Amino acid sequence: MIAAILFLLGALMMCIATIGMLRLPDPLSRMHAGTKAASLGILLVCSSLAVHFASWEIALRAIFIVLLVFMTVPVGAHMVARKLIEDDSE
């Protein structure tokens, strides 16, 4: 039951990220919506996997996935935003 709730919340956050990316006006706002909500969605989905399977191996893999996402998403978003700002100033 808890795993299903976590999974549905994660899917909802990813849907919110998608709606934000479609509806927000400029690229920086769209990128912000995509990175923040999708990162939380992945955290919730991986948490649901760890709770559902109740295995240390699965939990460690889920933690590893979340750590990788939390380390790479901000770096990628920063690089894209920097390039967008550089292109606007030229």
PDB file of N, CA and C in Angstrom:
ATOM      1  N   MET A   1       0.823  -1.199   0.000  1.00  0.00           N
ATOM      2  CA  MET A   1       0.000   0.000   0.000  1.00  0.00           C
ATOM      3  C   MET A   1       0.867   1.264   0.000  1.00  0.00           C
ATOM      4  N   ILE A   2       1.886   1.287   0.869  1.00  0.00           N
ATOM      5  CA  ILE A   2       2.775   2.445   0.930  1.00  0.00           C
ATOM      6  C   ILE A   2       3.551   2.584  -0.369  1.00  0.00           C
ATOM      7  N   ALA A   3       3.999   1.443  -0.910  1.00  0.00           N
ATOM      8  CA  ALA A   3       4.754   1.474  -2.166  1.00  0.00           C
ATOM      9  C   ALA A   3       3.892   2.023  -3.303  1.00  0.00           C
ATOM     10  N   ALA A   4       2.638   1.648  -3.326  1.00  0.00           N
ATOM     11  CA  ALA A   4       1.743   2.141  -4.381  1.00  0.00           C
ATOM     12  C   ALA A   4       1.524   3.645  -4.260  1.00  0.00           C
ATOM     13  N   ILE A   5       1.379   4.130  -3.033  1.00  0.00           N
ATOM     14  CA  ILE A   5       1.196   5.569  -2.824  1.00  0.00           C
ATOM     15  C   ILE A   5       2.440   6.331  -3.258  1.00  0.00           C
ATOM     16  N   LEU A   6       3.621   5.827  -2.868  1.00  0.00           N
ATOM     17  CA  LEU A   6       4.865   6.480  -3.274  1.00  0.00           C
ATOM     18  C   LEU A   6       5.014   6.489  -4.792  1.00  0.00           C
ATOM     19  N   PHE A   7       4.671   5.364  -5.416  1.00  0.00           N
ATOM     20  CA  PHE A   7       4.787   5.278  -6.871  1.00  0.00           C
ATOM     21  C   PHE A   7       3.838   6.257  -7.557  1.00  0.00           C
ATOM     22  N   LEU A   8       2.604   6.325  -7.077  1.00  0.00           N
ATOM     23  CA  LEU A   8       1.637   7.249  -7.680  1.00  0.00           C
ATOM     24  C   LEU A   8       2.040   8.710  -7.477  1.00  0.00           C
ATOM     25  N   LEU A   9       2.589   9.023  -6.302  1.00  0.00           N
ATOM     26  CA  LEU A   9       3.074  10.386  -6.079  1.00  0.00           C
ATOM     27  C   LEU A   9       4.238  10.715  -7.011  1.00  0.00           C
ATOM     28  N   GLY A  10       5.136   9.739  -7.219  1.00  0.00           N
ATOM     29  CA  GLY A  10       6.246   9.943  -8.144  1.00  0.00           C
ATOM     30  C   GLY A  10       5.766  10.148  -9.565  1.00  0.00           C
ATOM     31  N   ALA A  11       4.797   9.348  -9.981  1.00  0.00           N
ATOM     32  CA  ALA A  11       4.242   9.510 -11.329  1.00  0.00           C
ATOM     33  C   ALA A  11       3.538  10.856 -11.461  1.00  0.00           C
ATOM     34  N   LEU A  12       2.848  11.284 -10.413  1.00  0.00           N
ATOM     35  CA  LEU A  12       2.186  12.587 -10.433  1.00  0.00           C
ATOM     36  C   LEU A  12       3.203  13.718 -10.559  1.00  0.00           C
ATOM     37  N   MET A  13       4.309  13.615  -9.832  1.00  0.00           N
ATOM     38  CA  MET A  13       5.343  14.646  -9.932  1.00  0.00           C
ATOM     39  C   MET A  13       5.936  14.701 -11.331  1.00  0.00           C
ATOM     40  N   MET A  14       6.126  13.546 -11.951  1.00  0.00           N
ATOM     41  CA  MET A  14       6.658  13.539 -13.316  1.00  0.00           C
ATOM     42  C   MET A  14       5.648  14.126 -14.305  1.00  0.00           C
ATOM     43  N   CYS A  15       4.367  13.885 -14.065  1.00  0.00           N
ATOM     44  CA  CYS A  15       3.333  14.505 -14.913  1.00  0.00           C
ATOM     45  C   CYS A  15       3.313  16.018 -14.729  1.00  0.00           C
ATOM     46  N   ILE A  16       3.482  16.472 -13.495  1.00  0.00           N
ATOM     47  CA  ILE A  16       3.546  17.911 -13.232  1.00  0.00           C
ATOM     48  C   ILE A  16       4.755  18.521 -13.937  1.00  0.00           C
ATOM     49  N   ALA A  17       5.888  17.803 -13.925  1.00  0.00           N
ATOM     50  CA  ALA A  17       7.076  18.290 -14.632  1.00  0.00           C
ATOM     51  C   ALA A  17       6.804  18.407 -16.124  1.00  0.00           C
ATOM     52  N   THR A  18       6.108  17.432 -16.674  1.00  0.00           N
ATOM     53  CA  THR A  18       5.789  17.464 -18.104  1.00  0.00           C
ATOM     54  C   THR A  18       4.870  18.633 -18.437  1.00  0.00           C
ATOM     55  N   ILE A  19       3.860  18.849 -17.614  1.00  0.00           N
ATOM     56  CA  ILE A  19       2.943  19.968 -17.844  1.00  0.00           C
ATOM     57  C   ILE A  19       3.690  21.294 -17.738  1.00  0.00           C
ATOM     58  N   GLY A  20       4.577  21.392 -16.750  1.00  0.00           N
ATOM     59  CA  GLY A  20       5.373  22.612 -16.607  1.00  0.00           C
ATOM     60  C   GLY A  20       6.262  22.867 -17.802  1.00  0.00           C
ATOM     61  N   MET A  21       6.840  21.804 -18.347  1.00  0.00           N
ATOM     62  CA  MET A  21       7.707  21.974 -19.512  1.00  0.00           C
ATOM     63  C   MET A  21       6.909  22.392 -20.742  1.00  0.00           C
ATOM     64  N   LEU A  22       5.667  21.985 -20.819  1.00  0.00           N
ATOM     65  CA  LEU A  22       4.844  22.351 -21.969  1.00  0.00           C
ATOM     66  C   LEU A  22       4.240  23.748 -21.848  1.00  0.00           C
ATOM     67  N   ARG A  23       3.952  24.189 -20.629  1.00  0.00           N
ATOM     68  CA  ARG A  23       3.179  25.421 -20.466  1.00  0.00           C
ATOM     69  C   ARG A  23       4.001  26.653 -20.111  1.00  0.00           C
ATOM     70  N   LEU A  24       5.187  26.484 -19.541  1.00  0.00           N
ATOM     71  CA  LEU A  24       5.957  27.657 -19.127  1.00  0.00           C
ATOM     72  C   LEU A  24       6.540  28.379 -20.344  1.00  0.00           C
ATOM     73  N   PRO A  25       6.730  29.702 -20.238  1.00  0.00           N
ATOM     74  CA  PRO A  25       7.034  30.502 -21.425  1.00  0.00           C
ATOM     75  C   PRO A  25       8.469  30.413 -21.953  1.00  0.00           C
ATOM     76  N   ASP A  26       9.465  30.486 -21.090  1.00  0.00           N
ATOM     77  CA  ASP A  26      10.834  30.562 -21.593  1.00  0.00           C
ATOM     78  C   ASP A  26      11.620  29.295 -21.246  1.00  0.00           C
ATOM     79  N   PRO A  27      12.726  29.063 -21.935  1.00  0.00           N
ATOM     80  CA  PRO A  27      13.486  27.818 -21.734  1.00  0.00           C
ATOM     81  C   PRO A  27      14.008  27.624 -20.313  1.00  0.00           C
ATOM     82  N   LEU A  28      14.417  28.699 -19.652  1.00  0.00           N
ATOM     83  CA  LEU A  28      14.942  28.549 -18.294  1.00  0.00           C
ATOM     84  C   LEU A  28      13.850  28.113 -17.316  1.00  0.00           C
ATOM     85  N   SER A  29      12.663  28.648 -17.459  1.00  0.00           N
ATOM     86  CA  SER A  29      11.543  28.229 -16.607  1.00  0.00           C
ATOM     87  C   SER A  29      11.158  26.783 -16.883  1.00  0.00           C
ATOM     88  N   ARG A  30      11.143  26.409 -18.146  1.00  0.00           N
ATOM     89  CA  ARG A  30      10.817  25.022 -18.500  1.00  0.00           C
ATOM     90  C   ARG A  30      11.852  24.066 -17.937  1.00  0.00           C
ATOM     91  N   MET A  31      13.113  24.456 -18.007  1.00  0.00           N
ATOM     92  CA  MET A  31      14.172  23.605 -17.482  1.00  0.00           C
ATOM     93  C   MET A  31      14.042  23.455 -15.962  1.00  0.00           C
ATOM     94  N   HIS A  32      13.699  24.538 -15.289  1.00  0.00           N
ATOM     95  CA  HIS A  32      13.518  24.497 -13.841  1.00  0.00           C
ATOM     96  C   HIS A  32      12.396  23.534 -13.457  1.00  0.00           C
ATOM     97  N   ALA A  33      11.291  23.613 -14.162  1.00  0.00           N
ATOM     98  CA  ALA A  33      10.164  22.719 -13.873  1.00  0.00           C
ATOM     99  C   ALA A  33      10.550  21.268 -14.119  1.00  0.00           C
ATOM    100  N   GLY A  34      11.261  21.036 -15.192  1.00  0.00           N
ATOM    101  CA  GLY A  34      11.641  19.666 -15.523  1.00  0.00           C
ATOM    102  C   GLY A  34      12.617  19.056 -14.544  1.00  0.00           C
ATOM    103  N   THR A  35      13.590  19.825 -14.101  1.00  0.00           N
ATOM    104  CA  THR A  35      14.611  19.246 -13.227  1.00  0.00           C
ATOM    105  C   THR A  35      14.106  19.044 -11.804  1.00  0.00           C
ATOM    106  N   LYS A  36      13.416  20.008 -11.264  1.00  0.00           N
ATOM    107  CA  LYS A  36      12.986  19.900  -9.861  1.00  0.00           C
ATOM    108  C   LYS A  36      11.924  18.821  -9.665  1.00  0.00           C
ATOM    109  N   ALA A  37      10.865  18.893 -10.431  1.00  0.00           N
ATOM    110  CA  ALA A  37       9.763  17.950 -10.241  1.00  0.00           C
ATOM    111  C   ALA A  37      10.142  16.538 -10.671  1.00  0.00           C
ATOM    112  N   ALA A  38      10.904  16.417 -11.739  1.00  0.00           N
ATOM    113  CA  ALA A  38      11.301  15.080 -12.190  1.00  0.00           C
ATOM    114  C   ALA A  38      12.266  14.430 -11.205  1.00  0.00           C
ATOM    115  N   SER A  39      13.149  15.213 -10.599  1.00  0.00           N
ATOM    116  CA  SER A  39      14.062  14.651  -9.599  1.00  0.00           C
ATOM    117  C   SER A  39      13.288  14.126  -8.393  1.00  0.00           C
ATOM    118  N   LEU A  40      12.308  14.884  -7.938  1.00  0.00           N
ATOM    119  CA  LEU A  40      11.479  14.415  -6.827  1.00  0.00           C
ATOM    120  C   LEU A  40      10.678  13.189  -7.238  1.00  0.00           C
ATOM    121  N   GLY A  41      10.195  13.167  -8.473  1.00  0.00           N
ATOM    122  CA  GLY A  41       9.460  12.002  -8.964  1.00  0.00           C
ATOM    123  C   GLY A  41      10.317  10.751  -8.975  1.00  0.00           C
ATOM    124  N   ILE A  42      11.565  10.872  -9.412  1.00  0.00           N
ATOM    125  CA  ILE A  42      12.465   9.717  -9.423  1.00  0.00           C
ATOM    126  C   ILE A  42      12.769   9.262  -8.003  1.00  0.00           C
ATOM    127  N   LEU A  43      12.939  10.208  -7.084  1.00  0.00           N
ATOM    128  CA  LEU A  43      13.158   9.845  -5.682  1.00  0.00           C
ATOM    129  C   LEU A  43      11.976   9.048  -5.141  1.00  0.00           C
ATOM    130  N   LEU A  44      10.763   9.483  -5.428  1.00  0.00           N
ATOM    131  CA  LEU A  44       9.580   8.781  -4.930  1.00  0.00           C
ATOM    132  C   LEU A  44       9.414   7.406  -5.577  1.00  0.00           C
ATOM    133  N   VAL A  45       9.680   7.299  -6.871  1.00  0.00           N
ATOM    134  CA  VAL A  45       9.559   6.004  -7.548  1.00  0.00           C
ATOM    135  C   VAL A  45      10.605   5.029  -7.013  1.00  0.00           C
ATOM    136  N   CYS A  46      11.836   5.483  -6.835  1.00  0.00           N
ATOM    137  CA  CYS A  46      12.874   4.597  -6.296  1.00  0.00           C
ATOM    138  C   CYS A  46      12.576   4.209  -4.849  1.00  0.00           C
ATOM    139  N   SER A  47      11.993   5.127  -4.091  1.00  0.00           N
ATOM    140  CA  SER A  47      11.583   4.787  -2.724  1.00  0.00           C
ATOM    141  C   SER A  47      10.498   3.726  -2.734  1.00  0.00           C
ATOM    142  N   SER A  48       9.581   3.829  -3.682  1.00  0.00           N
ATOM    143  CA  SER A  48       8.528   2.817  -3.760  1.00  0.00           C
ATOM    144  C   SER A  48       9.101   1.451  -4.126  1.00  0.00           C
ATOM    145  N   LEU A  49      10.115   1.424  -4.977  1.00  0.00           N
ATOM    146  CA  LEU A  49      10.767   0.149  -5.299  1.00  0.00           C
ATOM    147  C   LEU A  49      11.404  -0.470  -4.064  1.00  0.00           C
ATOM    148  N   ALA A  50      12.104   0.354  -3.289  1.00  0.00           N
ATOM    149  CA  ALA A  50      12.764  -0.151  -2.086  1.00  0.00           C
ATOM    150  C   ALA A  50      11.749  -0.676  -1.074  1.00  0.00           C
ATOM    151  N   VAL A  51      10.631   0.021  -0.926  1.00  0.00           N
ATOM    152  CA  VAL A  51       9.602  -0.420   0.026  1.00  0.00           C
ATOM    153  C   VAL A  51       8.896  -1.675  -0.479  1.00  0.00           C
ATOM    154  N   HIS A  52       8.588  -1.718  -1.759  1.00  0.00           N
ATOM    155  CA  HIS A  52       7.836  -2.844  -2.316  1.00  0.00           C
ATOM    156  C   HIS A  52       8.623  -4.153  -2.233  1.00  0.00           C
ATOM    157  N   PHE A  53       9.882  -4.130  -2.632  1.00  0.00           N
ATOM    158  CA  PHE A  53      10.649  -5.370  -2.669  1.00  0.00           C
ATOM    159  C   PHE A  53      11.281  -5.723  -1.329  1.00  0.00           C
ATOM    160  N   ALA A  54      11.426  -4.765  -0.424  1.00  0.00           N
ATOM    161  CA  ALA A  54      11.957  -4.993   0.926  1.00  0.00           C
ATOM    162  C   ALA A  54      13.248  -5.804   0.904  1.00  0.00           C
ATOM    163  N   SER A  55      14.132  -5.442   0.006  1.00  0.00           N
ATOM    164  CA  SER A  55      15.416  -6.117  -0.135  1.00  0.00           C
ATOM    165  C   SER A  55      16.521  -5.069  -0.020  1.00  0.00           C
ATOM    166  N   TRP A  56      17.584  -5.431   0.705  1.00  0.00           N
ATOM    167  CA  TRP A  56      18.699  -4.500   0.842  1.00  0.00           C
ATOM    168  C   TRP A  56      19.361  -4.231  -0.503  1.00  0.00           C
ATOM    169  N   GLU A  57      19.415  -5.257  -1.332  1.00  0.00           N
ATOM    170  CA  GLU A  57      20.044  -5.091  -2.643  1.00  0.00           C
ATOM    171  C   GLU A  57      19.264  -4.087  -3.499  1.00  0.00           C
ATOM    172  N   ILE A  58      17.960  -4.234  -3.525  1.00  0.00           N
ATOM    173  CA  ILE A  58      17.124  -3.303  -4.293  1.00  0.00           C
ATOM    174  C   ILE A  58      17.199  -1.902  -3.689  1.00  0.00           C
ATOM    175  N   ALA A  59      17.185  -1.815  -2.366  1.00  0.00           N
ATOM    176  CA  ALA A  59      17.255  -0.510  -1.703  1.00  0.00           C
ATOM    177  C   ALA A  59      18.572   0.194  -2.018  1.00  0.00           C
ATOM    178  N   LEU A  60      19.673  -0.545  -2.007  1.00  0.00           N
ATOM    179  CA  LEU A  60      20.964   0.064  -2.328  1.00  0.00           C
ATOM    180  C   LEU A  60      21.021   0.518  -3.784  1.00  0.00           C
ATOM    181  N   ARG A  61      20.450  -0.271  -4.670  1.00  0.00           N
ATOM    182  CA  ARG A  61      20.406   0.144  -6.077  1.00  0.00           C
ATOM    183  C   ARG A  61      19.550   1.395  -6.253  1.00  0.00           C
ATOM    184  N   ALA A  62      18.434   1.448  -5.546  1.00  0.00           N
ATOM    185  CA  ALA A  62      17.564   2.627  -5.635  1.00  0.00           C
ATOM    186  C   ALA A  62      18.280   3.866  -5.097  1.00  0.00           C
ATOM    187  N   ILE A  63      18.997   3.705  -3.988  1.00  0.00           N
ATOM    188  CA  ILE A  63      19.763   4.823  -3.429  1.00  0.00           C
ATOM    189  C   ILE A  63      20.833   5.277  -4.415  1.00  0.00           C
ATOM    190  N   PHE A  64      21.499   4.326  -5.050  1.00  0.00           N
ATOM    191  CA  PHE A  64      22.526   4.650  -6.037  1.00  0.00           C
ATOM    192  C   PHE A  64      21.931   5.417  -7.216  1.00  0.00           C
ATOM    193  N   ILE A  65      20.776   4.987  -7.681  1.00  0.00           N
ATOM    194  CA  ILE A  65      20.107   5.677  -8.794  1.00  0.00           C
ATOM    195  C   ILE A  65      19.757   7.109  -8.397  1.00  0.00           C
ATOM    196  N   VAL A  66      19.205   7.275  -7.202  1.00  0.00           N
ATOM    197  CA  VAL A  66      18.814   8.611  -6.745  1.00  0.00           C
ATOM    198  C   VAL A  66      20.044   9.504  -6.604  1.00  0.00           C
ATOM    199  N   LEU A  67      21.130   8.963  -6.057  1.00  0.00           N
ATOM    200  CA  LEU A  67      22.349   9.763  -5.924  1.00  0.00           C
ATOM    201  C   LEU A  67      22.891  10.184  -7.284  1.00  0.00           C
ATOM    202  N   LEU A  68      22.890   9.266  -8.243  1.00  0.00           N
ATOM    203  CA  LEU A  68      23.356   9.621  -9.587  1.00  0.00           C
ATOM    204  C   LEU A  68      22.491  10.712 -10.208  1.00  0.00           C
ATOM    205  N   VAL A  69      21.194  10.585 -10.052  1.00  0.00           N
ATOM    206  CA  VAL A  69      20.291  11.598 -10.610  1.00  0.00           C
ATOM    207  C   VAL A  69      20.513  12.942  -9.924  1.00  0.00           C
ATOM    208  N   PHE A  70      20.635  12.937  -8.600  1.00  0.00           N
ATOM    209  CA  PHE A  70      20.812  14.190  -7.873  1.00  0.00           C
ATOM    210  C   PHE A  70      22.167  14.832  -8.153  1.00  0.00           C
ATOM    211  N   MET A  71      23.156  14.047  -8.589  1.00  0.00           N
ATOM    212  CA  MET A  71      24.457  14.629  -8.934  1.00  0.00           C
ATOM    213  C   MET A  71      24.506  15.122 -10.375  1.00  0.00           C
ATOM    214  N   THR A  72      23.814  14.455 -11.284  1.00  0.00           N
ATOM    215  CA  THR A  72      23.946  14.804 -12.696  1.00  0.00           C
ATOM    216  C   THR A  72      22.920  15.816 -13.182  1.00  0.00           C
ATOM    217  N   VAL A  73      21.729  15.809 -12.639  1.00  0.00           N
ATOM    218  CA  VAL A  73      20.684  16.725 -13.115  1.00  0.00           C
ATOM    219  C   VAL A  73      21.064  18.192 -12.890  1.00  0.00           C
ATOM    220  N   PRO A  74      21.552  18.587 -11.713  1.00  0.00           N
ATOM    221  CA  PRO A  74      21.924  20.002 -11.558  1.00  0.00           C
ATOM    222  C   PRO A  74      23.072  20.421 -12.471  1.00  0.00           C
ATOM    223  N   VAL A  75      24.029  19.534 -12.680  1.00  0.00           N
ATOM    224  CA  VAL A  75      25.157  19.869 -13.550  1.00  0.00           C
ATOM    225  C   VAL A  75      24.680  20.057 -14.987  1.00  0.00           C
ATOM    226  N   GLY A  76      23.853  19.143 -15.456  1.00  0.00           N
ATOM    227  CA  GLY A  76      23.318  19.267 -16.810  1.00  0.00           C
ATOM    228  C   GLY A  76      22.461  20.511 -16.977  1.00  0.00           C
ATOM    229  N   ALA A  77      21.636  20.796 -15.987  1.00  0.00           N
ATOM    230  CA  ALA A  77      20.785  21.987 -16.054  1.00  0.00           C
ATOM    231  C   ALA A  77      21.633  23.256 -16.048  1.00  0.00           C
ATOM    232  N   HIS A  78      22.688  23.255 -15.261  1.00  0.00           N
ATOM    233  CA  HIS A  78      23.576  24.418 -15.218  1.00  0.00           C
ATOM    234  C   HIS A  78      24.258  24.640 -16.564  1.00  0.00           C
ATOM    235  N   MET A  79      24.717  23.559 -17.180  1.00  0.00           N
ATOM    236  CA  MET A  79      25.383  23.679 -18.479  1.00  0.00           C
ATOM    237  C   MET A  79      24.422  24.198 -19.551  1.00  0.00           C
ATOM    238  N   VAL A  80      23.214  23.680 -19.569  1.00  0.00           N
ATOM    239  CA  VAL A  80      22.228  24.128 -20.556  1.00  0.00           C
ATOM    240  C   VAL A  80      21.856  25.590 -20.313  1.00  0.00           C
ATOM    241  N   ALA A  81      21.639  25.966 -19.053  1.00  0.00           N
ATOM    242  CA  ALA A  81      21.276  27.349 -18.737  1.00  0.00           C
ATOM    243  C   ALA A  81      22.404  28.305 -19.099  1.00  0.00           C
ATOM    244  N   ARG A  82      23.620  27.905 -18.832  1.00  0.00           N
ATOM    245  CA  ARG A  82      24.762  28.758 -19.166  1.00  0.00           C
ATOM    246  C   ARG A  82      24.842  28.995 -20.673  1.00  0.00           C
ATOM    247  N   LYS A  83      24.639  27.946 -21.448  1.00  0.00           N
ATOM    248  CA  LYS A  83      24.673  28.079 -22.904  1.00  0.00           C
ATOM    249  C   LYS A  83      23.527  28.967 -23.396  1.00  0.00           C
ATOM    250  N   LEU A  84      22.347  28.821 -22.814  1.00  0.00           N
ATOM    251  CA  LEU A  84      21.220  29.675 -23.201  1.00  0.00           C
ATOM    252  C   LEU A  84      21.508  31.145 -22.911  1.00  0.00           C
ATOM    253  N   ILE A  85      22.099  31.413 -21.761  1.00  0.00           N
ATOM    254  CA  ILE A  85      22.416  32.792 -21.390  1.00  0.00           C
ATOM    255  C   ILE A  85      23.511  33.348 -22.293  1.00  0.00           C
ATOM    256  N   GLU A  86      24.520  32.539 -22.612  1.00  0.00           N
ATOM    257  CA  GLU A  86      25.579  32.988 -23.522  1.00  0.00           C
ATOM    258  C   GLU A  86      25.017  33.307 -24.902  1.00  0.00           C
ATOM    259  N   ASP A  87      24.114  32.484 -25.396  1.00  0.00           N
ATOM    260  CA  ASP A  87      23.533  32.722 -26.717  1.00  0.00           C
ATOM    261  C   ASP A  87      22.656  33.975 -26.735  1.00  0.00           C
ATOM    262  N   ASP A  88      22.001  34.280 -25.616  1.00  0.00           N
ATOM    263  CA  ASP A  88      21.176  35.486 -25.552  1.00  0.00           C
ATOM    264  C   ASP A  88      22.023  36.751 -25.543  1.00  0.00           C
ATOM    265  N   SER A  89      23.208  36.690 -24.937  1.00  0.00           N
ATOM    266  CA  SER A  89      24.040  37.886 -24.829  1.00  0.00           C
ATOM    267  C   SER A  89      24.761  38.213 -26.132  1.00  0.00           C
ATOM    268  N   GLU A  90      24.829  37.289 -27.051  1.00  0.00           N
ATOM    269  CA  GLU A  90      25.537  37.532 -28.317  1.00  0.00           C
ATOM    270  C   GLU A  90      24.685  38.234 -29.332  1.00  0.00           C
TER     271      GLU A  90
END
